[in-house]
């Protein structure tokens, strides 16, 4: 059962379990629990409306909610589907705090994605948040699908290097965006490789901050 101070994470990649587990070490007063279902993303990439996949997503989040007070779905592809699930725990979509911050601070935003199934959920999220804030930023998806095989092969260094170089190219383009948003939590390692990290956002740290804010507000 929940201790009253627990954040639960649902991942679709083992590497993200390591990433978020490491980040949570900066919050020793908050317990974290993790579940990883790689197959959910594999199936969502084929059909985001796969009813069996969505049913299993609901089951995973419901079970995780028995152990945690706030849940974070760390998969951008499944973010909207996760938010639609009703559990006793509050569900935080990993990229929503990042998108909210980007819209608050930028008029031109380039968004890097490495998985095609992430494109539409990400665009929908930007639209929702822009409407909520009554702002009209120019949001452009800048895919780098060729980087994904490196991630799948476990070549995280190569993957994040490719993402960082892509972000640098976007920031040096004409006209350049105000911000580059790294649209997947798997891209966190690219932040330390970009030339100007002050103009690049990635979701994991912001999502954890939001989850802890919600946890302490309850």
Foldseek 3Di string as FASTA:
>chain_A
DEPLQEEEEEELDVVVVVVLVVVCVVVVVHHYYYDYHVVLVVVCLVPVVPPVSLVVLLVVVQVRVVHGQEYEYQFLLCQVSNCPHDHNHHYFYQCLLVLLVDQVPWQEEEEEDQRPSNVVSVVVSNVVSCVVVVHHHHYHYDYDNVLVVCVVVVVLVSSLLVVQVSLQVQCPDVVHTQAYEYRHQSNVVNLVVHPDSVRYYYGSVSRVVVRSVVSVVD
